[in-house]
Amino acid sequence: LKDISFDISVGEMASIVGTSGSGKTTLLNLLAGLDEPTVGDVLMAGQNLAKLADKDRARARNKHMGFVFQFHHLLPEFSALDNVIMPCRIVGKVTDESIEYGKSLLSSVGLGDRMRHRPGELSGGERQRVAIARALINKPAVVLMDEPTGNLDEDSSEQAQKLIESLNYQFKSSFVIVTHNQDWANHIPIQFKLSKGHLEKVS
């Protein structure tokens, strides 16, 4: 990655497209504080992730960020609801309020009647919707998505795209979405193209 400089404001939605190997996942890892830049800064909610200690960086991620990947990474032995509130459980902050919020998130993604089902009892599209609800459980400032519809069939992919756009509007979190789906990227208000390490704003 070379000479990349951009910002995403509260509630904005941006797409990033690029060929395989162009650096899209590396860029997301830098934004998430999972990798450290050799040069430059990554600022989120007033904090410079690149300058934080590992423990503080992990705390900032848990508090301010949500993640959705191409593969849902749900824990098979837990229910949909338990998977959604897992980020709260990891930091020992499962409360009645977080459980109720998890239920409301599952209802928001159309799974209010499936929250007791385990991942193996859900379709691929439903599992990805659980993963999206999980990403929102801590009311993050930003949700980072790496090919969130890449493992879905066409119908499920379209449903997930519409859902993500509606959740962006509803929850006012910022969304940064890496996708190979150019048609979807064209519908997202802010569009970037990553090529040979350089990020170009398309619109």
N, C-alpha and C. Protein backbone atom coordinates (compact mmCIF):
# COMPACT_ATOMS: atom_id res chain seq x y z
N LEU A 1 0.85 -1.18 0.00
CA LEU A 1 0.00 0.00 0.00
C LEU A 1 0.89 1.24 0.00
N LYS A 2 0.52 2.23 -0.82
CA LYS A 2 1.38 3.40 -1.01
C LYS A 2 0.56 4.68 -1.00
N ASP A 3 1.00 5.62 -0.16
CA ASP A 3 0.44 6.98 -0.18
C ASP A 3 -1.08 7.00 -0.06
N ILE A 4 -1.64 6.14 0.78
CA ILE A 4 -3.09 6.09 0.94
C ILE A 4 -3.51 7.07 2.03
N SER A 5 -4.48 7.92 1.71
CA SER A 5 -5.02 8.86 2.68
C SER A 5 -6.50 9.05 2.39
N PHE A 6 -7.35 8.70 3.34
CA PHE A 6 -8.78 8.92 3.16
C PHE A 6 -9.44 8.90 4.53
N ASP A 7 -10.67 9.37 4.58
CA ASP A 7 -11.40 9.34 5.84
C ASP A 7 -12.85 8.96 5.58
N ILE A 8 -13.44 8.34 6.59
CA ILE A 8 -14.85 7.96 6.57
C ILE A 8 -15.49 8.61 7.78
N SER A 9 -16.56 9.36 7.57
CA SER A 9 -17.22 10.06 8.66
C SER A 9 -18.35 9.21 9.24
N VAL A 10 -18.90 9.69 10.33
CA VAL A 10 -19.96 8.96 11.03
C VAL A 10 -21.14 8.69 10.09
N GLY A 11 -21.55 7.43 10.04
CA GLY A 11 -22.73 7.05 9.27
C GLY A 11 -22.50 6.87 7.78
N GLU A 12 -21.29 7.13 7.30
CA GLU A 12 -21.03 6.97 5.86
C GLU A 12 -20.81 5.50 5.51
N MET A 13 -21.05 5.19 4.25
CA MET A 13 -20.82 3.84 3.74
C MET A 13 -19.91 3.93 2.53
N ALA A 14 -18.84 3.13 2.55
CA ALA A 14 -17.87 3.15 1.46
C ALA A 14 -17.58 1.74 0.99
N SER A 15 -17.36 1.59 -0.31
CA SER A 15 -16.96 0.30 -0.88
C SER A 15 -15.52 0.40 -1.38
N ILE A 16 -14.83 -0.73 -1.33
CA ILE A 16 -13.49 -0.82 -1.87
C ILE A 16 -13.44 -2.03 -2.80
N VAL A 17 -13.12 -1.81 -4.05
CA VAL A 17 -12.98 -2.90 -5.00
C VAL A 17 -11.54 -2.95 -5.49
N GLY A 18 -11.16 -4.08 -6.02
CA GLY A 18 -9.80 -4.25 -6.53
C GLY A 18 -9.56 -5.70 -6.88
N THR A 19 -8.59 -5.94 -7.72
CA THR A 19 -8.30 -7.30 -8.13
C THR A 19 -7.69 -8.08 -6.98
N SER A 20 -7.68 -9.38 -7.11
CA SER A 20 -7.07 -10.24 -6.10
C SER A 20 -5.60 -9.88 -5.95
N GLY A 21 -5.15 -9.71 -4.71
CA GLY A 21 -3.76 -9.37 -4.46
C GLY A 21 -3.46 -7.88 -4.50
N SER A 22 -4.50 -7.07 -4.66
CA SER A 22 -4.27 -5.62 -4.75
C SER A 22 -4.05 -4.98 -3.38
N GLY A 23 -4.37 -5.71 -2.30
CA GLY A 23 -4.12 -5.19 -0.96
C GLY A 23 -5.37 -4.86 -0.17
N LYS A 24 -6.54 -5.32 -0.64
CA LYS A 24 -7.80 -4.95 0.03
C LYS A 24 -7.85 -5.46 1.47
N THR A 25 -7.52 -6.73 1.66
CA THR A 25 -7.56 -7.30 3.01
C THR A 25 -6.49 -6.67 3.89
N THR A 26 -5.33 -6.41 3.33
CA THR A 26 -4.27 -5.72 4.09
C THR A 26 -4.75 -4.36 4.56
N LEU A 27 -5.44 -3.64 3.70
CA LEU A 27 -5.97 -2.33 4.07
C LEU A 27 -6.98 -2.46 5.22
N LEU A 28 -7.87 -3.45 5.12
CA LEU A 28 -8.83 -3.66 6.21
C LEU A 28 -8.12 -4.01 7.51
N ASN A 29 -7.10 -4.83 7.43
CA ASN A 29 -6.34 -5.21 8.63
C ASN A 29 -5.67 -4.00 9.27
N LEU A 30 -5.20 -3.07 8.45
CA LEU A 30 -4.61 -1.85 8.98
C LEU A 30 -5.68 -0.98 9.64
N LEU A 31 -6.83 -0.85 8.99
CA LEU A 31 -7.92 -0.06 9.56
C LEU A 31 -8.37 -0.64 10.89
N ALA A 32 -8.33 -1.96 10.99
CA ALA A 32 -8.78 -2.64 12.21
C ALA A 32 -7.72 -2.67 13.30
N GLY A 33 -6.52 -2.25 12.98
CA GLY A 33 -5.44 -2.32 13.96
C GLY A 33 -4.91 -3.73 14.14
N LEU A 34 -5.21 -4.61 13.21
CA LEU A 34 -4.68 -5.97 13.26
C LEU A 34 -3.25 -6.01 12.74
N ASP A 35 -2.94 -5.12 11.81
CA ASP A 35 -1.58 -4.93 11.33
C ASP A 35 -1.16 -3.50 11.64
N GLU A 36 0.14 -3.28 11.78
CA GLU A 36 0.67 -1.94 12.03
C GLU A 36 1.31 -1.41 10.76
N PRO A 37 1.00 -0.16 10.40
CA PRO A 37 1.62 0.42 9.20
C PRO A 37 3.10 0.68 9.44
N THR A 38 3.91 0.48 8.42
CA THR A 38 5.33 0.80 8.54
C THR A 38 5.54 2.31 8.57
N VAL A 39 4.62 3.03 7.91
CA VAL A 39 4.66 4.49 7.89
C VAL A 39 3.22 4.99 7.96
N GLY A 40 3.00 6.07 8.72
CA GLY A 40 1.69 6.68 8.73
C GLY A 40 0.86 6.31 9.95
N ASP A 41 -0.36 6.81 9.98
CA ASP A 41 -1.24 6.65 11.13
C ASP A 41 -2.60 6.14 10.70
N VAL A 42 -3.26 5.46 11.62
CA VAL A 42 -4.65 5.05 11.45
C VAL A 42 -5.42 5.61 12.64
N LEU A 43 -6.28 6.57 12.36
CA LEU A 43 -7.00 7.27 13.43
C LEU A 43 -8.46 6.80 13.46
N MET A 44 -8.93 6.46 14.64
CA MET A 44 -10.31 6.06 14.81
C MET A 44 -10.84 6.62 16.11
N ALA A 45 -11.95 7.36 16.00
CA ALA A 45 -12.59 7.93 17.19
C ALA A 45 -11.58 8.68 18.06
N GLY A 46 -10.67 9.41 17.41
CA GLY A 46 -9.71 10.23 18.13
C GLY A 46 -8.49 9.48 18.64
N GLN A 47 -8.40 8.18 18.36
CA GLN A 47 -7.25 7.39 18.81
C GLN A 47 -6.41 6.96 17.62
N ASN A 48 -5.09 6.99 17.81
CA ASN A 48 -4.17 6.53 16.79
C ASN A 48 -3.88 5.05 17.05
N LEU A 49 -4.53 4.19 16.28
CA LEU A 49 -4.39 2.75 16.52
C LEU A 49 -2.95 2.30 16.40
N ALA A 50 -2.20 2.94 15.52
CA ALA A 50 -0.82 2.53 15.29
C ALA A 50 0.07 2.79 16.50
N LYS A 51 -0.37 3.67 17.40
CA LYS A 51 0.46 4.04 18.54
C LYS A 51 0.02 3.35 19.84
N LEU A 52 -1.09 2.61 19.79
CA LEU A 52 -1.60 1.98 21.01
C LEU A 52 -0.87 0.68 21.31
N ALA A 53 -0.77 0.35 22.59
CA ALA A 53 -0.27 -0.96 22.99
C ALA A 53 -1.28 -2.03 22.55
N ASP A 54 -0.81 -3.27 22.41
CA ASP A 54 -1.67 -4.34 21.91
C ASP A 54 -2.97 -4.46 22.70
N LYS A 55 -2.87 -4.39 24.02
CA LYS A 55 -4.06 -4.54 24.87
C LYS A 55 -5.04 -3.40 24.64
N ASP A 56 -4.52 -2.19 24.53
CA ASP A 56 -5.38 -1.02 24.31
C ASP A 56 -5.99 -1.06 22.91
N ARG A 57 -5.23 -1.55 21.95
CA ARG A 57 -5.74 -1.66 20.59
C ARG A 57 -6.88 -2.67 20.53
N ALA A 58 -6.71 -3.79 21.22
CA ALA A 58 -7.77 -4.81 21.27
C ALA A 58 -9.02 -4.26 21.93
N ARG A 59 -8.83 -3.46 22.99
CA ARG A 59 -9.97 -2.87 23.68
C ARG A 59 -10.70 -1.89 22.76
N ALA A 60 -9.94 -1.10 22.01
CA ALA A 60 -10.55 -0.15 21.08
C ALA A 60 -11.32 -0.87 19.98
N ARG A 61 -10.76 -1.97 19.49
CA ARG A 61 -11.46 -2.76 18.48
C ARG A 61 -12.80 -3.26 19.01
N ASN A 62 -12.78 -3.82 20.21
CA ASN A 62 -13.99 -4.39 20.76
C ASN A 62 -15.05 -3.33 21.01
N LYS A 63 -14.61 -2.14 21.39
CA LYS A 63 -15.54 -1.07 21.73
C LYS A 63 -16.08 -0.35 20.50
N HIS A 64 -15.23 -0.11 19.52
CA HIS A 64 -15.59 0.80 18.42
C HIS A 64 -15.82 0.11 17.08
N MET A 65 -15.48 -1.17 16.94
CA MET A 65 -15.52 -1.81 15.63
C MET A 65 -16.37 -3.07 15.63
N GLY A 66 -16.95 -3.32 14.47
CA GLY A 66 -17.60 -4.59 14.20
C GLY A 66 -16.99 -5.17 12.94
N PHE A 67 -17.02 -6.50 12.82
CA PHE A 67 -16.38 -7.17 11.69
C PHE A 67 -17.33 -8.20 11.07
N VAL A 68 -17.35 -8.23 9.75
CA VAL A 68 -18.07 -9.28 9.02
C VAL A 68 -17.14 -9.76 7.91
N PHE A 69 -16.98 -11.08 7.83
CA PHE A 69 -16.07 -11.67 6.85
C PHE A 69 -16.86 -12.50 5.84
N GLN A 70 -16.16 -12.96 4.81
CA GLN A 70 -16.80 -13.79 3.79
C GLN A 70 -17.39 -15.05 4.40
N PHE A 71 -16.67 -15.64 5.34
CA PHE A 71 -17.16 -16.80 6.07
C PHE A 71 -17.60 -16.32 7.45
N HIS A 72 -18.73 -16.79 7.90
CA HIS A 72 -19.39 -16.20 9.06
C HIS A 72 -18.64 -16.39 10.38
N HIS A 73 -17.84 -17.45 10.50
CA HIS A 73 -17.06 -17.71 11.71
C HIS A 73 -17.95 -17.78 12.97
N LEU A 74 -19.11 -18.38 12.84
CA LEU A 74 -19.96 -18.59 14.01
C LEU A 74 -19.49 -19.83 14.77
N LEU A 75 -19.74 -19.85 16.06
CA LEU A 75 -19.38 -21.00 16.89
C LEU A 75 -20.52 -22.02 16.81
N PRO A 76 -20.26 -23.22 16.28
CA PRO A 76 -21.34 -24.15 15.95
C PRO A 76 -22.12 -24.67 17.15
N GLU A 77 -21.49 -24.68 18.32
CA GLU A 77 -22.17 -25.25 19.50
C GLU A 77 -23.08 -24.26 20.20
N PHE A 78 -23.07 -22.99 19.75
CA PHE A 78 -23.88 -21.96 20.39
C PHE A 78 -25.05 -21.55 19.51
N SER A 79 -26.11 -21.06 20.14
CA SER A 79 -27.28 -20.59 19.39
C SER A 79 -26.94 -19.29 18.66
N ALA A 80 -27.87 -18.89 17.77
CA ALA A 80 -27.70 -17.63 17.06
C ALA A 80 -27.56 -16.47 18.05
N LEU A 81 -28.41 -16.45 19.07
CA LEU A 81 -28.35 -15.37 20.06
C LEU A 81 -27.03 -15.39 20.82
N ASP A 82 -26.58 -16.56 21.23
CA ASP A 82 -25.31 -16.65 21.94
C ASP A 82 -24.15 -16.17 21.07
N ASN A 83 -24.20 -16.49 19.78
CA ASN A 83 -23.16 -16.01 18.88
C ASN A 83 -23.18 -14.49 18.76
N VAL A 84 -24.37 -13.91 18.72
CA VAL A 84 -24.47 -12.46 18.59
C VAL A 84 -23.88 -11.75 19.80
N ILE A 85 -24.13 -12.27 21.00
CA ILE A 85 -23.64 -11.59 22.21
C ILE A 85 -22.24 -12.05 22.61
N MET A 86 -21.61 -12.89 21.80
CA MET A 86 -20.28 -13.39 22.14
C MET A 86 -19.25 -12.27 22.36
N PRO A 87 -19.25 -11.17 21.57
CA PRO A 87 -18.28 -10.10 21.87
C PRO A 87 -18.46 -9.52 23.26
N CYS A 88 -19.68 -9.51 23.78
CA CYS A 88 -19.92 -9.05 25.16
C CYS A 88 -19.37 -10.07 26.15
N ARG A 89 -19.58 -11.34 25.85
CA ARG A 89 -19.13 -12.40 26.75
C ARG A 89 -17.61 -12.41 26.86
N ILE A 90 -16.93 -12.14 25.75
CA ILE A 90 -15.46 -12.18 25.73
C ILE A 90 -14.88 -11.17 26.72
N VAL A 91 -15.56 -10.03 26.89
CA VAL A 91 -15.05 -9.01 27.81
C VAL A 91 -15.81 -9.04 29.14
N GLY A 92 -16.59 -10.08 29.36
CA GLY A 92 -17.28 -10.25 30.63
C GLY A 92 -18.37 -9.23 30.89
N LYS A 93 -19.07 -8.79 29.84
CA LYS A 93 -20.09 -7.76 30.00
C LYS A 93 -21.44 -8.20 29.43
N VAL A 94 -21.81 -9.45 29.71
CA VAL A 94 -23.14 -9.92 29.32
C VAL A 94 -24.14 -9.47 30.38
N THR A 95 -25.09 -8.65 29.98
CA THR A 95 -26.11 -8.13 30.88
C THR A 95 -27.48 -8.41 30.29
N ASP A 96 -28.51 -8.20 31.08
CA ASP A 96 -29.88 -8.33 30.56
C ASP A 96 -30.08 -7.39 29.38
N GLU A 97 -29.48 -6.21 29.48
CA GLU A 97 -29.61 -5.23 28.41
C GLU A 97 -28.95 -5.72 27.12
N SER A 98 -27.75 -6.30 27.23
CA SER A 98 -27.06 -6.79 26.02
C SER A 98 -27.81 -7.97 25.41
N ILE A 99 -28.39 -8.81 26.24
CA ILE A 99 -29.16 -9.95 25.72
C ILE A 99 -30.39 -9.44 24.97
N GLU A 100 -31.08 -8.47 25.55
CA GLU A 100 -32.26 -7.92 24.87
C GLU A 100 -31.88 -7.20 23.59
N TYR A 101 -30.72 -6.52 23.62
CA TYR A 101 -30.26 -5.84 22.40
C TYR A 101 -29.91 -6.87 21.33
N GLY A 102 -29.29 -7.98 21.74
CA GLY A 102 -29.00 -9.04 20.79
C GLY A 102 -30.26 -9.59 20.15
N LYS A 103 -31.30 -9.75 20.94
CA LYS A 103 -32.58 -10.22 20.40
C LYS A 103 -33.15 -9.21 19.40
N SER A 104 -33.04 -7.93 19.74
CA SER A 104 -33.58 -6.91 18.83
C SER A 104 -32.78 -6.86 17.53
N LEU A 105 -31.45 -7.10 17.62
CA LEU A 105 -30.64 -7.13 16.40
C LEU A 105 -31.03 -8.30 15.51
N LEU A 106 -31.25 -9.46 16.12
CA LEU A 106 -31.68 -10.62 15.33
C LEU A 106 -33.03 -10.36 14.68
N SER A 107 -33.91 -9.68 15.38
CA SER A 107 -35.19 -9.31 14.78
C SER A 107 -34.97 -8.34 13.62
N SER A 108 -34.01 -7.42 13.79
CA SER A 108 -33.72 -6.44 12.73
C SER A 108 -33.22 -7.09 11.46
N VAL A 109 -32.52 -8.23 11.61
CA VAL A 109 -32.01 -8.92 10.42
C VAL A 109 -32.94 -10.06 9.98
N GLY A 110 -34.15 -10.07 10.52
CA GLY A 110 -35.16 -11.02 10.09
C GLY A 110 -35.06 -12.40 10.70
N LEU A 111 -34.41 -12.50 11.86
CA LEU A 111 -34.22 -13.82 12.48
C LEU A 111 -34.79 -13.87 13.91
N GLY A 112 -35.81 -13.07 14.14
CA GLY A 112 -36.40 -13.05 15.46
C GLY A 112 -36.96 -14.39 15.90
N ASP A 113 -37.35 -15.22 14.92
CA ASP A 113 -37.91 -16.55 15.25
C ASP A 113 -36.88 -17.66 15.14
N ARG A 114 -35.61 -17.29 14.95
CA ARG A 114 -34.56 -18.30 14.76
C ARG A 114 -33.41 -18.15 15.76
N MET A 115 -33.61 -17.31 16.76
CA MET A 115 -32.49 -16.96 17.64
C MET A 115 -32.00 -18.12 18.50
N ARG A 116 -32.81 -19.15 18.69
CA ARG A 116 -32.38 -20.31 19.48
C ARG A 116 -31.77 -21.40 18.61
N HIS A 117 -31.79 -21.21 17.30
CA HIS A 117 -31.22 -22.19 16.39
C HIS A 117 -29.69 -22.09 16.36
N ARG A 118 -29.05 -23.22 16.23
CA ARG A 118 -27.60 -23.23 16.07
C ARG A 118 -27.24 -23.03 14.60
N PRO A 119 -25.99 -22.63 14.31
CA PRO A 119 -25.61 -22.36 12.92
C PRO A 119 -25.93 -23.50 11.95
N GLY A 120 -25.75 -24.75 12.41
CA GLY A 120 -26.02 -25.88 11.54
C GLY A 120 -27.47 -26.02 11.14
N GLU A 121 -28.35 -25.31 11.85
CA GLU A 121 -29.78 -25.35 11.55
C GLU A 121 -30.23 -24.15 10.71
N LEU A 122 -29.27 -23.34 10.30
CA LEU A 122 -29.57 -22.14 9.52
C LEU A 122 -28.98 -22.25 8.13
N SER A 123 -29.59 -21.53 7.18
CA SER A 123 -29.05 -21.48 5.82
C SER A 123 -27.81 -20.60 5.79
N GLY A 124 -27.08 -20.64 4.68
CA GLY A 124 -25.89 -19.81 4.55
C GLY A 124 -26.20 -18.33 4.70
N GLY A 125 -27.30 -17.88 4.08
CA GLY A 125 -27.69 -16.49 4.19
C GLY A 125 -28.07 -16.11 5.61
N GLU A 126 -28.76 -17.04 6.30
CA GLU A 126 -29.14 -16.77 7.69
C GLU A 126 -27.93 -16.70 8.59
N ARG A 127 -26.95 -17.57 8.36
CA ARG A 127 -25.73 -17.53 9.18
C ARG A 127 -25.00 -16.21 8.99
N GLN A 128 -24.97 -15.72 7.76
CA GLN A 128 -24.29 -14.44 7.53
C GLN A 128 -25.05 -13.30 8.19
N ARG A 129 -26.37 -13.39 8.25
CA ARG A 129 -27.15 -12.36 8.94
C ARG A 129 -26.87 -12.38 10.44
N VAL A 130 -26.67 -13.56 11.00
CA VAL A 130 -26.27 -13.65 12.41
C VAL A 130 -24.93 -12.94 12.60
N ALA A 131 -24.00 -13.17 11.67
CA ALA A 131 -22.68 -12.54 11.76
C ALA A 131 -22.80 -11.02 11.67
N ILE A 132 -23.72 -10.53 10.87
CA ILE A 132 -23.93 -9.09 10.75
C ILE A 132 -24.49 -8.53 12.05
N ALA A 133 -25.45 -9.25 12.64
CA ALA A 133 -26.01 -8.82 13.93
C ALA A 133 -24.92 -8.81 15.00
N ARG A 134 -24.06 -9.82 15.00
CA ARG A 134 -22.95 -9.88 15.96
C ARG A 134 -22.04 -8.67 15.82
N ALA A 135 -21.81 -8.24 14.59
CA ALA A 135 -20.93 -7.10 14.35
C ALA A 135 -21.48 -5.81 14.95
N LEU A 136 -22.80 -5.76 15.17
CA LEU A 136 -23.43 -4.54 15.65
C LEU A 136 -23.68 -4.54 17.16
N ILE A 137 -23.39 -5.64 17.85
CA ILE A 137 -23.80 -5.80 19.24
C ILE A 137 -23.20 -4.74 20.16
N ASN A 138 -22.01 -4.28 19.89
CA ASN A 138 -21.38 -3.27 20.76
C ASN A 138 -21.60 -1.85 20.26
N LYS A 139 -22.57 -1.69 19.35
CA LYS A 139 -22.90 -0.37 18.80
C LYS A 139 -21.64 0.32 18.28
N PRO A 140 -20.97 -0.32 17.32
CA PRO A 140 -19.66 0.17 16.87
C PRO A 140 -19.76 1.46 16.07
N ALA A 141 -18.67 2.22 16.12
CA ALA A 141 -18.58 3.42 15.29
C ALA A 141 -18.43 3.03 13.82
N VAL A 142 -17.75 1.91 13.58
CA VAL A 142 -17.49 1.49 12.20
C VAL A 142 -17.59 -0.03 12.10
N VAL A 143 -18.15 -0.50 10.99
CA VAL A 143 -18.21 -1.93 10.70
C VAL A 143 -17.36 -2.18 9.46
N LEU A 144 -16.38 -3.06 9.59
CA LEU A 144 -15.50 -3.43 8.48
C LEU A 144 -15.96 -4.77 7.92
N MET A 145 -16.15 -4.82 6.62
CA MET A 145 -16.67 -6.03 5.98
C MET A 145 -15.74 -6.48 4.87
N ASP A 146 -15.33 -7.74 4.92
CA ASP A 146 -14.43 -8.31 3.91
C ASP A 146 -15.20 -9.35 3.10
N GLU A 147 -15.66 -8.97 1.92
CA GLU A 147 -16.44 -9.85 1.04
C GLU A 147 -17.62 -10.48 1.79
N PRO A 148 -18.50 -9.67 2.39
CA PRO A 148 -19.56 -10.23 3.24
C PRO A 148 -20.59 -11.06 2.48
N THR A 149 -20.67 -10.89 1.15
CA THR A 149 -21.64 -11.67 0.38
C THR A 149 -20.94 -12.64 -0.57
N GLY A 150 -19.62 -12.76 -0.45
CA GLY A 150 -18.85 -13.55 -1.41
C GLY A 150 -19.13 -15.04 -1.38
N ASN A 151 -19.68 -15.52 -0.26
CA ASN A 151 -19.92 -16.95 -0.12
C ASN A 151 -21.40 -17.30 -0.22
N LEU A 152 -22.21 -16.35 -0.73
CA LEU A 152 -23.65 -16.54 -0.80
C LEU A 152 -24.11 -16.69 -2.24
N ASP A 153 -25.24 -17.38 -2.42
CA ASP A 153 -25.82 -17.46 -3.76
C ASP A 153 -26.41 -16.09 -4.13
N GLU A 154 -26.85 -15.96 -5.36
CA GLU A 154 -27.24 -14.65 -5.87
C GLU A 154 -28.40 -14.04 -5.07
N ASP A 155 -29.42 -14.83 -4.79
CA ASP A 155 -30.58 -14.31 -4.06
C ASP A 155 -30.19 -13.89 -2.64
N SER A 156 -29.44 -14.76 -1.95
CA SER A 156 -29.01 -14.44 -0.59
C SER A 156 -28.10 -13.23 -0.58
N SER A 157 -27.27 -13.10 -1.60
CA SER A 157 -26.35 -11.97 -1.70
C SER A 157 -27.13 -10.67 -1.83
N GLU A 158 -28.15 -10.67 -2.67
CA GLU A 158 -28.95 -9.46 -2.86
C GLU A 158 -29.68 -9.09 -1.58
N GLN A 159 -30.20 -10.10 -0.87
CA GLN A 159 -30.88 -9.84 0.40
C GLN A 159 -29.92 -9.25 1.42
N ALA A 160 -28.69 -9.80 1.48
CA ALA A 160 -27.70 -9.30 2.43
C ALA A 160 -27.29 -7.87 2.10
N GLN A 161 -27.16 -7.56 0.81
CA GLN A 161 -26.79 -6.20 0.41
C GLN A 161 -27.84 -5.20 0.87
N LYS A 162 -29.12 -5.52 0.63
CA LYS A 162 -30.20 -4.61 1.04
C LYS A 162 -30.24 -4.48 2.55
N LEU A 163 -30.00 -5.59 3.25
CA LEU A 163 -30.00 -5.57 4.70
C LEU A 163 -28.89 -4.67 5.23
N ILE A 164 -27.69 -4.82 4.70
CA ILE A 164 -26.55 -4.01 5.15
C ILE A 164 -26.82 -2.53 4.93
N GLU A 165 -27.38 -2.19 3.78
CA GLU A 165 -27.68 -0.79 3.50
C GLU A 165 -28.73 -0.24 4.46
N SER A 166 -29.74 -1.05 4.79
CA SER A 166 -30.77 -0.58 5.71
C SER A 166 -30.22 -0.45 7.13
N LEU A 167 -29.31 -1.35 7.53
CA LEU A 167 -28.72 -1.27 8.86
C LEU A 167 -27.81 -0.06 8.99
N ASN A 168 -27.11 0.27 7.93
CA ASN A 168 -26.29 1.48 7.92
C ASN A 168 -27.16 2.71 8.19
N TYR A 169 -28.31 2.76 7.55
CA TYR A 169 -29.24 3.88 7.75
C TYR A 169 -29.83 3.85 9.16
N GLN A 170 -30.18 2.66 9.65
CA GLN A 170 -30.85 2.52 10.93
C GLN A 170 -29.94 2.80 12.11
N PHE A 171 -28.70 2.27 12.08
CA PHE A 171 -27.83 2.34 13.25
C PHE A 171 -26.79 3.45 13.18
N LYS A 172 -26.65 4.09 12.01
CA LYS A 172 -25.74 5.24 11.85
C LYS A 172 -24.27 4.88 12.08
N SER A 173 -23.93 3.59 12.07
CA SER A 173 -22.53 3.20 12.08
C SER A 173 -21.96 3.41 10.68
N SER A 174 -20.67 3.68 10.61
CA SER A 174 -20.00 3.75 9.31
C SER A 174 -19.71 2.34 8.83
N PHE A 175 -19.78 2.12 7.53
CA PHE A 175 -19.50 0.81 6.95
C PHE A 175 -18.42 0.95 5.89
N VAL A 176 -17.38 0.12 5.98
CA VAL A 176 -16.35 0.03 4.94
C VAL A 176 -16.40 -1.40 4.42
N ILE A 177 -16.73 -1.54 3.14
CA ILE A 177 -17.04 -2.86 2.58
C ILE A 177 -16.10 -3.18 1.43
N VAL A 178 -15.29 -4.21 1.61
CA VAL A 178 -14.50 -4.75 0.51
C VAL A 178 -15.37 -5.76 -0.23
N THR A 179 -15.52 -5.58 -1.52
CA THR A 179 -16.37 -6.48 -2.29
C THR A 179 -15.83 -6.65 -3.70
N HIS A 180 -16.05 -7.83 -4.27
CA HIS A 180 -15.72 -8.05 -5.67
C HIS A 180 -16.94 -7.77 -6.56
N ASN A 181 -18.08 -7.48 -5.93
CA ASN A 181 -19.33 -7.27 -6.66
C ASN A 181 -19.42 -5.81 -7.11
N GLN A 182 -19.06 -5.57 -8.35
CA GLN A 182 -19.01 -4.20 -8.86
C GLN A 182 -20.39 -3.56 -8.88
N ASP A 183 -21.42 -4.35 -9.21
CA ASP A 183 -22.78 -3.79 -9.24
C ASP A 183 -23.18 -3.24 -7.88
N TRP A 184 -22.87 -4.01 -6.83
CA TRP A 184 -23.20 -3.52 -5.48
C TRP A 184 -22.36 -2.31 -5.14
N ALA A 185 -21.08 -2.37 -5.44
CA ALA A 185 -20.19 -1.24 -5.14
C ALA A 185 -20.72 0.05 -5.78
N ASN A 186 -21.29 -0.08 -6.98
CA ASN A 186 -21.80 1.10 -7.69
C ASN A 186 -22.99 1.73 -6.98
N HIS A 187 -23.67 0.96 -6.12
CA HIS A 187 -24.83 1.48 -5.41
C HIS A 187 -24.45 2.10 -4.06
N ILE A 188 -23.20 1.96 -3.66
CA ILE A 188 -22.74 2.48 -2.37
C ILE A 188 -22.25 3.91 -2.57
N PRO A 189 -22.67 4.83 -1.70
CA PRO A 189 -22.41 6.27 -1.94
C PRO A 189 -20.95 6.64 -2.18
N ILE A 190 -20.02 6.06 -1.39
CA ILE A 190 -18.61 6.38 -1.55
C ILE A 190 -17.91 5.14 -2.10
N GLN A 191 -17.19 5.30 -3.20
CA GLN A 191 -16.57 4.16 -3.86
C GLN A 191 -15.07 4.41 -4.03
N PHE A 192 -14.29 3.38 -3.67
CA PHE A 192 -12.85 3.42 -3.88
C PHE A 192 -12.42 2.23 -4.72
N LYS A 193 -11.35 2.43 -5.47
CA LYS A 193 -10.73 1.33 -6.21
C LYS A 193 -9.27 1.23 -5.78
N LEU A 194 -8.85 0.03 -5.41
CA LEU A 194 -7.48 -0.22 -4.99
C LEU A 194 -6.74 -0.93 -6.12
N SER A 195 -5.67 -0.34 -6.57
CA SER A 195 -4.91 -0.90 -7.69
C SER A 195 -3.43 -0.67 -7.48
N LYS A 196 -2.66 -1.76 -7.48
CA LYS A 196 -1.21 -1.68 -7.33
C LYS A 196 -0.81 -0.86 -6.11
N GLY A 197 -1.54 -1.04 -5.02
CA GLY A 197 -1.20 -0.37 -3.78
C GLY A 197 -1.72 1.04 -3.62
N HIS A 198 -2.37 1.58 -4.66
CA HIS A 198 -2.89 2.93 -4.60
C HIS A 198 -4.41 2.92 -4.52
N LEU A 199 -4.96 3.79 -3.68
CA LEU A 199 -6.40 3.88 -3.51
C LEU A 199 -6.92 5.12 -4.21
N GLU A 200 -7.87 4.90 -5.13
CA GLU A 200 -8.45 6.00 -5.92
C GLU A 200 -9.92 6.12 -5.59
N LYS A 201 -10.37 7.32 -5.30
CA LYS A 201 -11.79 7.55 -5.06
C LYS A 201 -12.51 7.65 -6.39
N VAL A 202 -13.52 6.79 -6.55
CA VAL A 202 -14.26 6.74 -7.80
C VAL A 202 -15.44 7.71 -7.76
N SER A 203 -16.10 7.77 -6.60
CA SER A 203 -17.24 8.69 -6.47
C SER A 203 -17.46 9.02 -5.00
